[in-house]
C-alpha atoms as a PDB file:
ATOM      1  CA  MET A   1    -109.363-176.063-120.011  1.00  0.00           C
ATOM      2  CA  LYS A   2    -110.170-177.557-123.338  1.00  0.00           C
ATOM      3  CA  ILE A   3    -113.535-176.740-124.927  1.00  0.00           C
ATOM      4  CA  LYS A   4    -114.817-179.023-127.657  1.00  0.00           C
ATOM      5  CA  ILE A   5    -117.153-177.384-130.175  1.00  0.00           C
ATOM      6  CA  TYR A   6    -119.612-179.225-132.295  1.00  0.00           C
ATOM      7  CA  SER A   7    -121.642-178.141-135.309  1.00  0.00           C
ATOM      8  CA  ASN A   8    -125.351-178.503-135.703  1.00  0.00           C
ATOM      9  CA  SER A   9    -124.740-181.843-137.628  1.00  0.00           C
ATOM     10  CA  GLY A  10    -122.736-183.259-134.736  1.00  0.00           C
ATOM     11  CA  THR A  11    -119.332-183.068-136.368  1.00  0.00           C
ATOM     12  CA  ARG A  12    -116.503-181.768-134.326  1.00  0.00           C
ATOM     13  CA  ILE A  13    -115.091-178.394-135.122  1.00  0.00           C
ATOM     14  CA  LEU A  14    -111.473-177.392-134.541  1.00  0.00           C
ATOM     15  CA  PRO A  15    -110.672-177.601-130.723  1.00  0.00           C
ATOM     16  CA  MET A  16    -109.200-174.429-129.220  1.00  0.00           C
ATOM     17  CA  GLU A  17    -107.195-174.130-126.018  1.00  0.00           C
ATOM     18  CA  PHE A  18    -108.271-171.558-123.525  1.00  0.00           C
ATOM     19  CA  LYS A  19    -105.863-170.634-120.759  1.00  0.00           C
ATOM     20  CA  GLN A  20    -106.936-168.333-117.919  1.00  0.00           C
ATOM     21  CA  GLY A  21    -108.973-166.010-120.127  1.00  0.00           C
ATOM     22  CA  LYS A  22    -106.500-165.984-123.060  1.00  0.00           C
ATOM     23  CA  SER A  23    -107.221-168.008-126.166  1.00  0.00           C
ATOM     24  CA  SER A  24    -104.484-169.626-128.228  1.00  0.00           C
ATOM     25  CA  ARG A  25    -105.457-169.412-131.847  1.00  0.00           C
ATOM     26  CA  ARG A  26    -103.624-172.599-132.849  1.00  0.00           C
ATOM     27  CA  PRO A  27    -105.729-175.600-133.515  1.00  0.00           C
ATOM     28  CA  ALA A  28    -104.489-178.709-131.917  1.00  0.00           C
ATOM     29  CA  ARG A  29    -104.198-180.498-135.270  1.00  0.00           C
ATOM     30  CA  CYS A  30    -101.771-178.008-136.690  1.00  0.00           C
ATOM     31  CA  LEU A  31     -99.075-179.429-134.604  1.00  0.00           C
ATOM     32  CA  SER A  32     -99.223-182.576-136.576  1.00  0.00           C
ATOM     33  CA  HIS A  33     -98.702-180.610-139.663  1.00  0.00           C
ATOM     34  CA  TYR A  34     -95.297-179.342-138.662  1.00  0.00           C
ATOM     35  CA  GLY A  35     -93.837-182.733-139.333  1.00  0.00           C
ATOM     36  CA  PHE A  36     -95.315-182.782-142.837  1.00  0.00           C
ATOM     37  CA  LEU A  37     -93.879-179.328-143.491  1.00  0.00           C
ATOM     38  CA  GLN A  38     -90.473-180.511-142.412  1.00  0.00           C
ATOM     39  CA  ILE A  39     -90.600-183.576-144.579  1.00  0.00           C
ATOM     40  CA  ASP A  40     -91.873-181.367-147.463  1.00  0.00           C
ATOM     41  CA  LEU A  41     -88.871-178.905-146.968  1.00  0.00           C
ATOM     42  CA  VAL A  42     -86.435-181.842-146.858  1.00  0.00           C
ATOM     43  CA  VAL A  43     -87.931-183.279-150.146  1.00  0.00           C
ATOM     44  CA  GLY A  44     -87.793-179.805-151.777  1.00  0.00           C
ATOM     45  CA  LEU A  45     -84.151-179.335-150.782  1.00  0.00           C
ATOM     46  CA  ALA A  46     -83.324-182.690-152.162  1.00  0.00           C
ATOM     47  CA  VAL A  47     -84.963-182.047-155.574  1.00  0.00           C
ATOM     48  CA  LEU A  48     -83.176-178.679-155.678  1.00  0.00           C
ATOM     49  CA  ALA A  49     -79.778-180.281-154.921  1.00  0.00           C
ATOM     50  CA  ILE A  50     -80.307-183.068-157.536  1.00  0.00           C
ATOM     51  CA  ALA A  51     -81.179-180.453-160.032  1.00  0.00           C
ATOM     52  CA  ILE A  52     -78.605-177.691-159.239  1.00  0.00           C
ATOM     53  CA  LEU A  53     -75.480-179.667-158.345  1.00  0.00           C
ATOM     54  CA  PRO A  54     -75.090-181.158-161.810  1.00  0.00           C
ATOM     55  CA  LEU A  55     -75.579-177.819-163.360  1.00  0.00           C
ATOM     56  CA  GLY A  56     -72.650-176.471-161.211  1.00  0.00           C
ATOM     57  CA  TYR A  57     -70.439-179.302-162.385  1.00  0.00           C
ATOM     58  CA  ALA A  58     -71.374-178.647-165.907  1.00  0.00           C
ATOM     59  CA  PHE A  59     -70.498-174.980-165.673  1.00  0.00           C
ATOM     60  CA  ALA A  60     -67.088-175.915-164.105  1.00  0.00           C
ATOM     61  CA  ARG A  61     -66.480-178.344-167.023  1.00  0.00           C
ATOM     62  CA  GLU A  62     -67.577-175.710-169.531  1.00  0.00           C
ATOM     63  CA  ARG A  63     -65.189-173.229-168.121  1.00  0.00           C
ATOM     64  CA  GLN A  64     -62.224-175.734-168.508  1.00  0.00           C
ATOM     65  CA  VAL A  65     -63.207-176.437-172.162  1.00  0.00           C
ATOM     66  CA  LEU A  66     -63.549-172.716-172.929  1.00  0.00           C
ATOM     67  CA  LYS A  67     -60.025-172.022-171.479  1.00  0.00           C
ATOM     68  CA  ALA A  68     -58.557-174.817-173.523  1.00  0.00           C
ATOM     69  CA  GLU A  69     -60.276-173.527-176.635  1.00  0.00           C
ATOM     70  CA  TYR A  70     -59.019-170.047-175.932  1.00  0.00           C
ATOM     71  CA  PHE A  71     -55.483-171.378-175.726  1.00  0.00           C
ATOM     72  CA  HIS A  72     -55.830-173.301-178.976  1.00  0.00           C
ATOM     73  CA  SER A  73     -57.277-170.121-180.726  1.00  0.00           C
ATOM     74  CA  VAL A  74     -54.341-167.923-179.562  1.00  0.00           C
ATOM     75  CA  ALA A  75     -51.812-170.550-180.627  1.00  0.00           C
ATOM     76  CA  ASN A  76     -53.570-170.852-183.923  1.00  0.00           C
ATOM     77  CA  GLU A  77     -53.334-167.135-184.672  1.00  0.00           C
ATOM     78  CA  ILE A  78     -49.675-166.981-183.662  1.00  0.00           C
ATOM     79  CA  VAL A  79     -48.757-170.036-185.759  1.00  0.00           C
ATOM     80  CA  ASP A  80     -50.667-168.702-188.826  1.00  0.00           C
ATOM     81  CA  GLY A  81     -48.985-165.345-188.546  1.00  0.00           C
ATOM     82  CA  GLU A  82     -45.451-166.695-188.109  1.00  0.00           C
ATOM     83  CA  MET A  83     -45.958-169.138-191.057  1.00  0.00           C
ATOM     84  CA  GLU A  84     -46.922-166.252-193.262  1.00  0.00           C
ATOM     85  CA  ILE A  85     -43.806-164.483-192.311  1.00  0.00           C
ATOM     86  CA  LEU A  86     -41.606-167.601-192.896  1.00  0.00           C
ATOM     87  CA  ALA A  87     -43.344-168.160-196.319  1.00  0.00           C
ATOM     88  CA  ALA A  88     -42.694-164.555-197.422  1.00  0.00           C
ATOM     89  CA  GLY A  89     -38.987-165.295-197.270  1.00  0.00           C
ATOM     90  CA  ALA A  90     -37.821-165.335-193.569  1.00  0.00           C
ATOM     91  CA  ALA A  91     -37.341-169.175-193.891  1.00  0.00           C
ATOM     92  CA  LYS A  92     -34.161-168.697-195.907  1.00  0.00           C
ATOM     93  CA  ASN A  93     -32.357-167.781-192.721  1.00  0.00           C
ATOM     94  CA  PHE A  94     -32.983-171.050-190.956  1.00  0.00           C
ATOM     95  CA  PRO A  95     -31.021-174.268-191.525  1.00  0.00           C
ATOM     96  CA  ASP A  96     -32.581-177.568-192.439  1.00  0.00           C
ATOM     97  CA  GLY A  97     -33.641-179.633-189.443  1.00  0.00           C
ATOM     98  CA  THR A  98     -35.787-179.219-186.377  1.00  0.00           C
ATOM     99  CA  GLN A  99     -35.203-176.326-184.042  1.00  0.00           C
ATOM    100  CA  ASN A 100     -37.130-174.224-181.445  1.00  0.00           C
ATOM    101  CA  TYR A 101     -38.631-171.140-182.933  1.00  0.00           C
ATOM    102  CA  SER A 102     -39.033-167.780-180.948  1.00  0.00           C
ATOM    103  CA  VAL A 103     -42.002-165.655-181.721  1.00  0.00           C
ATOM    104  CA  HIS A 104     -42.485-162.093-181.081  1.00  0.00           C
ATOM    105  CA  ALA A 105     -46.159-161.981-180.444  1.00  0.00           C
ATOM    106  CA  LEU A 106     -47.163-160.483-177.095  1.00  0.00           C
ATOM    107  CA  ALA A 107     -50.050-162.866-177.063  1.00  0.00           C
ATOM    108  CA  ALA A 108     -47.581-165.710-176.598  1.00  0.00           C
ATOM    109  CA  LYS A 109     -47.533-164.718-172.874  1.00  0.00           C
ATOM    110  CA  ARG A 110     -51.077-165.920-172.538  1.00  0.00           C
ATOM    111  CA  LEU A 111     -50.357-169.523-173.547  1.00  0.00           C
ATOM    112  CA  PRO A 112     -49.738-172.190-171.018  1.00  0.00           C
ATOM    113  CA  PRO A 113     -46.139-173.485-170.872  1.00  0.00           C
ATOM    114  CA  GLY A 114     -45.017-174.862-174.261  1.00  0.00           C
ATOM    115  CA  HIS A 115     -42.673-173.955-177.108  1.00  0.00           C
ATOM    116  CA  PHE A 116     -42.896-173.362-180.960  1.00  0.00           C
ATOM    117  CA  GLN A 117     -40.933-175.791-183.125  1.00  0.00           C
ATOM    118  CA  LEU A 118     -39.861-175.225-186.655  1.00  0.00           C
ATOM    119  CA  THR A 119     -38.881-178.115-188.988  1.00  0.00           C
ATOM    120  CA  LYS A 120     -37.259-177.365-192.358  1.00  0.00           C
ATOM    121  CA  ASN A 121     -36.631-180.053-195.014  1.00  0.00           C
ATOM    122  CA  GLY A 122     -35.548-178.480-198.175  1.00  0.00           C
ATOM    123  CA  HIS A 123     -38.558-176.485-199.436  1.00  0.00           C
ATOM    124  CA  GLN A 124     -40.910-178.036-196.796  1.00  0.00           C
ATOM    125  CA  LEU A 125     -41.712-175.980-193.688  1.00  0.00           C
ATOM    126  CA  ARG A 126     -43.475-177.102-190.650  1.00  0.00           C
ATOM    127  CA  LEU A 127     -44.313-174.881-187.652  1.00  0.00           C
ATOM    128  CA  GLU A 128     -45.890-176.266-184.438  1.00  0.00           C
ATOM    129  CA  TRP A 129     -46.841-175.184-180.966  1.00  0.00           C
ATOM    130  CA  LEU A 130     -46.529-177.962-178.479  1.00  0.00           C
ATOM    131  CA  ALA A 131     -47.757-177.617-175.003  1.00  0.00           C
ATOM    132  CA  ASP A 132     -45.527-178.980-172.327  1.00  0.00           C
ATOM    133  CA  SER A 133     -48.468-180.497-170.392  1.00  0.00           C
ATOM    134  CA  LYS A 134     -51.232-182.294-172.341  1.00  0.00           C
ATOM    135  CA  PHE A 135     -53.963-181.040-170.103  1.00  0.00           C
ATOM    136  CA  GLY A 136     -56.761-180.293-172.559  1.00  0.00           C
ATOM    137  CA  VAL A 137     -54.570-178.164-175.047  1.00  0.00           C
ATOM    138  CA  ARG A 138     -54.101-179.512-178.468  1.00  0.00           C
ATOM    139  CA  THR A 139     -50.875-179.195-180.662  1.00  0.00           C
ATOM    140  CA  VAL A 140     -51.331-176.559-183.418  1.00  0.00           C
ATOM    141  CA  THR A 141     -49.413-177.373-186.743  1.00  0.00           C
ATOM    142  CA  ARG A 142     -49.007-175.668-190.115  1.00  0.00           C
ATOM    143  CA  GLU A 143     -47.052-176.833-193.155  1.00  0.00           C
ATOM    144  CA  THR A 144     -46.235-175.168-196.407  1.00  0.00           C
ATOM    145  CA  THR A 145     -44.006-175.685-199.270  1.00  0.00           C
ATOM    146  CA  LEU A 146     -41.630-172.812-200.239  1.00  0.00           C
ATOM    147  CA  PRO A 147     -41.407-171.800-203.846  1.00  0.00           C
END
């Protein structure tokens, strides 16, 4: 049984449903609000997805860039150290020309696949670290002139 309640001014107040002595506290118009809440939820999730997904991709790209910069820094340190050793007199033991150069730094194990290359032309020395794959890792080069 539905009872309609009106105020003194004649406007209708929220209808309530009564079933066999029990009252349901849900006004009838709340049922129409469920659809609005679902649309509101979908719009909120869409806004959240539009804002959060690009951030996730940005973090993934930043991770790749940081990894490449880490490799470049490690190779830089190794090449600098080895070039100091060569400039101090170890270069006398190498013939002129281009050859692979083996390093003894343990940090070289952290580098991606690649090799060190020494080029000697008279008093000119050039030491390079060259990555086998060009995926975001730059070549590191140092040159010096021997006395």
